[in-house]
C-alpha atoms as a PDB file:
ATOM      1  CA  UNK A   1      -2.263  -7.470   4.194  1.00  0.00           C
ATOM      2  CA  UNK A   2      -4.376  -4.320   4.258  1.00  0.00           C
ATOM      3  CA  UNK A   3      -2.551  -0.982   4.550  1.00  0.00           C
ATOM      4  CA  UNK A   4      -4.240  -0.272   7.915  1.00  0.00           C
ATOM      5  CA  UNK A   5      -2.976  -3.611   9.239  1.00  0.00           C
ATOM      6  CA  UNK A   6       0.524  -2.962   7.919  1.00  0.00           C
ATOM      7  CA  UNK A   7       0.480   0.504   9.517  1.00  0.00           C
ATOM      8  CA  UNK A   8      -0.348  -1.072  12.889  1.00  0.00           C
ATOM      9  CA  UNK A   9       2.303  -3.743  12.363  1.00  0.00           C
ATOM     10  CA  UNK A  10       4.867  -0.970  11.807  1.00  0.00           C
ATOM     11  CA  UNK A  11       3.755   0.646  15.073  1.00  0.00           C
ATOM     12  CA  UNK A  12       2.465   3.749  13.296  1.00  0.00           C
ATOM     13  CA  UNK A  13      -0.713   5.729  13.900  1.00  0.00           C
ATOM     14  CA  UNK A  14      -2.233   8.269  11.548  1.00  0.00           C
ATOM     15  CA  UNK A  15      -2.442  11.712  13.133  1.00  0.00           C
ATOM     16  CA  UNK A  16      -5.607  13.802  13.011  1.00  0.00           C
ATOM     17  CA  UNK A  17      -5.891  15.429   9.560  1.00  0.00           C
ATOM     18  CA  UNK A  18      -4.419  18.919   9.475  1.00  0.00           C
ATOM     19  CA  UNK A  19      -6.596  21.867   8.514  1.00  0.00           C
ATOM     20  CA  UNK A  20      -5.552  23.931   5.473  1.00  0.00           C
ATOM     21  CA  UNK A  21      -3.510  27.045   6.229  1.00  0.00           C
ATOM     22  CA  UNK A  22      -4.782  28.871   3.143  1.00  0.00           C
ATOM     23  CA  UNK A  23      -7.622  29.088   0.668  1.00  0.00           C
ATOM     24  CA  UNK A  24      -7.590  25.470  -0.550  1.00  0.00           C
ATOM     25  CA  UNK A  25      -8.966  22.065   0.355  1.00  0.00           C
ATOM     26  CA  UNK A  26      -6.859  19.189   1.662  1.00  0.00           C
ATOM     27  CA  UNK A  27      -8.055  16.663  -0.925  1.00  0.00           C
ATOM     28  CA  UNK A  28      -9.844  16.654  -4.270  1.00  0.00           C
ATOM     29  CA  UNK A  29     -11.218  13.545  -5.899  1.00  0.00           C
ATOM     30  CA  UNK A  30     -11.569  13.443  -9.675  1.00  0.00           C
ATOM     31  CA  UNK A  31     -12.781  10.101 -10.943  1.00  0.00           C
ATOM     32  CA  UNK A  32     -10.588   7.431  -9.419  1.00  0.00           C
ATOM     33  CA  UNK A  33      -7.771   9.846  -8.506  1.00  0.00           C
ATOM     34  CA  UNK A  34      -7.393  11.611  -5.174  1.00  0.00           C
ATOM     35  CA  UNK A  35      -5.114  14.651  -5.178  1.00  0.00           C
ATOM     36  CA  UNK A  36      -3.684  15.432  -1.739  1.00  0.00           C
ATOM     37  CA  UNK A  37      -2.462  18.917  -0.873  1.00  0.00           C
ATOM     38  CA  UNK A  38       1.122  19.314   0.283  1.00  0.00           C
ATOM     39  CA  UNK A  39       1.910  18.449   3.875  1.00  0.00           C
ATOM     40  CA  UNK A  40       4.858  19.409   6.012  1.00  0.00           C
ATOM     41  CA  UNK A  41       6.642  17.720   8.894  1.00  0.00           C
ATOM     42  CA  UNK A  42       4.194  18.783  11.584  1.00  0.00           C
ATOM     43  CA  UNK A  43       3.532  16.581  14.599  1.00  0.00           C
ATOM     44  CA  UNK A  44       0.031  16.135  16.082  1.00  0.00           C
ATOM     45  CA  UNK A  45       0.848  18.635  18.846  1.00  0.00           C
ATOM     46  CA  UNK A  46       1.609  21.306  16.213  1.00  0.00           C
ATOM     47  CA  UNK A  47       5.389  21.094  16.454  1.00  0.00           C
ATOM     48  CA  UNK A  48       6.841  21.792  13.013  1.00  0.00           C
ATOM     49  CA  UNK A  49      10.365  21.031  11.881  1.00  0.00           C
ATOM     50  CA  UNK A  50      11.629  24.305  10.446  1.00  0.00           C
ATOM     51  CA  UNK A  51      14.996  25.135   8.973  1.00  0.00           C
ATOM     52  CA  UNK A  52      17.339  24.283   6.148  1.00  0.00           C
ATOM     53  CA  UNK A  53      18.472  20.778   5.291  1.00  0.00           C
ATOM     54  CA  UNK A  54      22.256  20.799   5.124  1.00  0.00           C
ATOM     55  CA  UNK A  55      22.437  23.502   7.800  1.00  0.00           C
ATOM     56  CA  UNK A  56      19.856  22.873  10.534  1.00  0.00           C
ATOM     57  CA  UNK A  57      19.089  19.253   9.670  1.00  0.00           C
ATOM     58  CA  UNK A  58      21.048  16.324   8.265  1.00  0.00           C
ATOM     59  CA  UNK A  59      19.825  14.218   5.358  1.00  0.00           C
ATOM     60  CA  UNK A  60      18.882  11.474   7.842  1.00  0.00           C
ATOM     61  CA  UNK A  61      16.835  13.887   9.944  1.00  0.00           C
ATOM     62  CA  UNK A  62      15.085  15.269   6.861  1.00  0.00           C
ATOM     63  CA  UNK A  63      14.391  11.673   5.726  1.00  0.00           C
ATOM     64  CA  UNK A  64      12.424  11.278   8.971  1.00  0.00           C
ATOM     65  CA  UNK A  65      10.660  14.582   8.277  1.00  0.00           C
ATOM     66  CA  UNK A  66       9.517  13.170   4.925  1.00  0.00           C
ATOM     67  CA  UNK A  67       8.016  10.206   6.797  1.00  0.00           C
ATOM     68  CA  UNK A  68       6.030  12.617   8.985  1.00  0.00           C
ATOM     69  CA  UNK A  69       4.784  14.362   5.837  1.00  0.00           C
ATOM     70  CA  UNK A  70       3.674  10.963   4.520  1.00  0.00           C
ATOM     71  CA  UNK A  71       1.677  10.140   7.644  1.00  0.00           C
ATOM     72  CA  UNK A  72       0.018  13.560   7.391  1.00  0.00           C
ATOM     73  CA  UNK A  73      -0.857  12.852   3.748  1.00  0.00           C
ATOM     74  CA  UNK A  74      -2.301   9.462   4.627  1.00  0.00           C
ATOM     75  CA  UNK A  75      -4.363  11.118   7.378  1.00  0.00           C
ATOM     76  CA  UNK A  76      -5.889  13.385   4.700  1.00  0.00           C
ATOM     77  CA  UNK A  77      -6.596  10.355   2.507  1.00  0.00           C
ATOM     78  CA  UNK A  78      -8.196   8.517   5.425  1.00  0.00           C
ATOM     79  CA  UNK A  79     -10.359  11.554   6.151  1.00  0.00           C
ATOM     80  CA  UNK A  80     -11.438  11.850   2.498  1.00  0.00           C
ATOM     81  CA  UNK A  81     -12.007   8.141   1.869  1.00  0.00           C
ATOM     82  CA  UNK A  82     -12.913   6.692   5.247  1.00  0.00           C
ATOM     83  CA  UNK A  83      -9.904   4.364   5.158  1.00  0.00           C
ATOM     84  CA  UNK A  84      -6.513   4.176   3.482  1.00  0.00           C
ATOM     85  CA  UNK A  85      -7.517   0.643   2.520  1.00  0.00           C
ATOM     86  CA  UNK A  86      -9.446   2.315  -0.337  1.00  0.00           C
ATOM     87  CA  UNK A  87      -6.143   3.340  -1.920  1.00  0.00           C
ATOM     88  CA  UNK A  88      -5.494   1.073  -4.893  1.00  0.00           C
ATOM     89  CA  UNK A  89      -2.143   2.576  -5.842  1.00  0.00           C
ATOM     90  CA  UNK A  90       0.199   5.420  -5.022  1.00  0.00           C
ATOM     91  CA  UNK A  91       0.479   7.193  -8.380  1.00  0.00           C
ATOM     92  CA  UNK A  92       2.733  10.229  -7.890  1.00  0.00           C
ATOM     93  CA  UNK A  93       4.768  11.859  -5.133  1.00  0.00           C
ATOM     94  CA  UNK A  94       6.163  15.369  -5.384  1.00  0.00           C
ATOM     95  CA  UNK A  95       8.608  16.305  -2.645  1.00  0.00           C
ATOM     96  CA  UNK A  96      10.195  19.659  -1.897  1.00  0.00           C
ATOM     97  CA  UNK A  97      13.285  20.057   0.275  1.00  0.00           C
ATOM     98  CA  UNK A  98      14.164  23.384   1.892  1.00  0.00           C
ATOM     99  CA  UNK A  99      17.911  23.023   1.532  1.00  0.00           C
ATOM    100  CA  UNK A 100      20.949  25.234   1.576  1.00  0.00           C
ATOM    101  CA  UNK A 101      21.837  26.604  -1.901  1.00  0.00           C
ATOM    102  CA  UNK A 102      24.289  23.833  -2.785  1.00  0.00           C
ATOM    103  CA  UNK A 103      22.210  20.972  -1.312  1.00  0.00           C
ATOM    104  CA  UNK A 104      21.844  18.114  -3.803  1.00  0.00           C
ATOM    105  CA  UNK A 105      20.490  15.142  -1.866  1.00  0.00           C
ATOM    106  CA  UNK A 106      16.784  15.838  -2.360  1.00  0.00           C
ATOM    107  CA  UNK A 107      16.136  12.272  -3.617  1.00  0.00           C
ATOM    108  CA  UNK A 108      17.630  10.767  -0.445  1.00  0.00           C
ATOM    109  CA  UNK A 109      15.398  12.984   1.700  1.00  0.00           C
ATOM    110  CA  UNK A 110      12.202  12.146  -0.205  1.00  0.00           C
ATOM    111  CA  UNK A 111      13.099   8.453   0.028  1.00  0.00           C
ATOM    112  CA  UNK A 112      11.677   8.788   3.559  1.00  0.00           C
ATOM    113  CA  UNK A 113       8.263   9.160   1.948  1.00  0.00           C
ATOM    114  CA  UNK A 114       8.792   6.558  -0.773  1.00  0.00           C
ATOM    115  CA  UNK A 115      10.229   3.938   1.575  1.00  0.00           C
ATOM    116  CA  UNK A 116       7.333   4.351   4.014  1.00  0.00           C
ATOM    117  CA  UNK A 117       4.713   4.122   1.257  1.00  0.00           C
ATOM    118  CA  UNK A 118       6.233   0.889  -0.039  1.00  0.00           C
ATOM    119  CA  UNK A 119       6.420  -0.495   3.514  1.00  0.00           C
ATOM    120  CA  UNK A 120       2.702   0.260   4.035  1.00  0.00           C
ATOM    121  CA  UNK A 121       1.274  -0.559   0.595  1.00  0.00           C
ATOM    122  CA  UNK A 122       3.815  -3.085  -0.698  1.00  0.00           C
ATOM    123  CA  UNK A 123       5.884  -2.792  -3.876  1.00  0.00           C
ATOM    124  CA  UNK A 124       3.003  -3.274  -6.319  1.00  0.00           C
ATOM    125  CA  UNK A 125       0.625  -0.697  -4.820  1.00  0.00           C
ATOM    126  CA  UNK A 126       3.227   1.546  -3.214  1.00  0.00           C
ATOM    127  CA  UNK A 127       5.744   2.049  -6.047  1.00  0.00           C
ATOM    128  CA  UNK A 128       5.117   5.417  -7.670  1.00  0.00           C
ATOM    129  CA  UNK A 129       6.351   8.096 -10.036  1.00  0.00           C
ATOM    130  CA  UNK A 130       8.206  10.825  -8.157  1.00  0.00           C
ATOM    131  CA  UNK A 131       9.948  14.162  -8.285  1.00  0.00           C
ATOM    132  CA  UNK A 132      12.264  15.472  -5.558  1.00  0.00           C
ATOM    133  CA  UNK A 133      12.896  19.188  -5.857  1.00  0.00           C
ATOM    134  CA  UNK A 134      15.073  21.658  -4.000  1.00  0.00           C
ATOM    135  CA  UNK A 135      13.412  24.827  -2.737  1.00  0.00           C
ATOM    136  CA  UNK A 136      14.951  28.094  -1.586  1.00  0.00           C
ATOM    137  CA  UNK A 137      12.256  28.235   1.077  1.00  0.00           C
ATOM    138  CA  UNK A 138       8.976  26.580   1.984  1.00  0.00           C
ATOM    139  CA  UNK A 139       5.894  27.890   3.822  1.00  0.00           C
ATOM    140  CA  UNK A 140       6.693  28.762   7.424  1.00  0.00           C
ATOM    141  CA  UNK A 141      10.267  27.598   6.690  1.00  0.00           C
ATOM    142  CA  UNK A 142       9.371  23.903   7.051  1.00  0.00           C
ATOM    143  CA  UNK A 143      12.190  21.568   6.088  1.00  0.00           C
ATOM    144  CA  UNK A 144      10.207  19.302   3.735  1.00  0.00           C
ATOM    145  CA  UNK A 145       6.839  19.340   1.971  1.00  0.00           C
ATOM    146  CA  UNK A 146       5.274  16.434   0.113  1.00  0.00           C
ATOM    147  CA  UNK A 147       2.131  16.166  -2.006  1.00  0.00           C
ATOM    148  CA  UNK A 148       0.665  13.004  -3.466  1.00  0.00           C
ATOM    149  CA  UNK A 149      -1.785  11.601  -6.021  1.00  0.00           C
ATOM    150  CA  UNK A 150      -3.382   8.230  -5.337  1.00  0.00           C
ATOM    151  CA  UNK A 151      -5.698   5.940  -7.259  1.00  0.00           C
ATOM    152  CA  UNK A 152      -8.757   4.928  -5.277  1.00  0.00           C
ATOM    153  CA  UNK A 153     -11.456   2.288  -5.573  1.00  0.00           C
END
């Protein structure tokens, strides 16, 4: 099943791609790799989830925030490639969690991204290398930020 079909089957829609908030581009292609700039948990209407995980948000809530980040990343990929069906493989995910100082469940939060990617692309194309990192703060105090590298055809 194509990723676009699986997305529809899951009842998900890619949001419009978000414009950069700084002096960078949302996506850079080098050979068969597409590097996607970090995305936060921002809804299509501009609502952003801001605050600390472990204080303002639970792990389960932040897991959902990581899913929003993933849809925003896939929107960038769709914009750059014309379709997410051009993605051959998810190569690398780097997730940042804006947590309280003693927060240690970053991997569980970023599983929101990983689980969604595997649901959309399947275990062979969706399984990826990953880092889940704690951050003292993130831009605009967003709760989670995720960036991604994908292999494209």
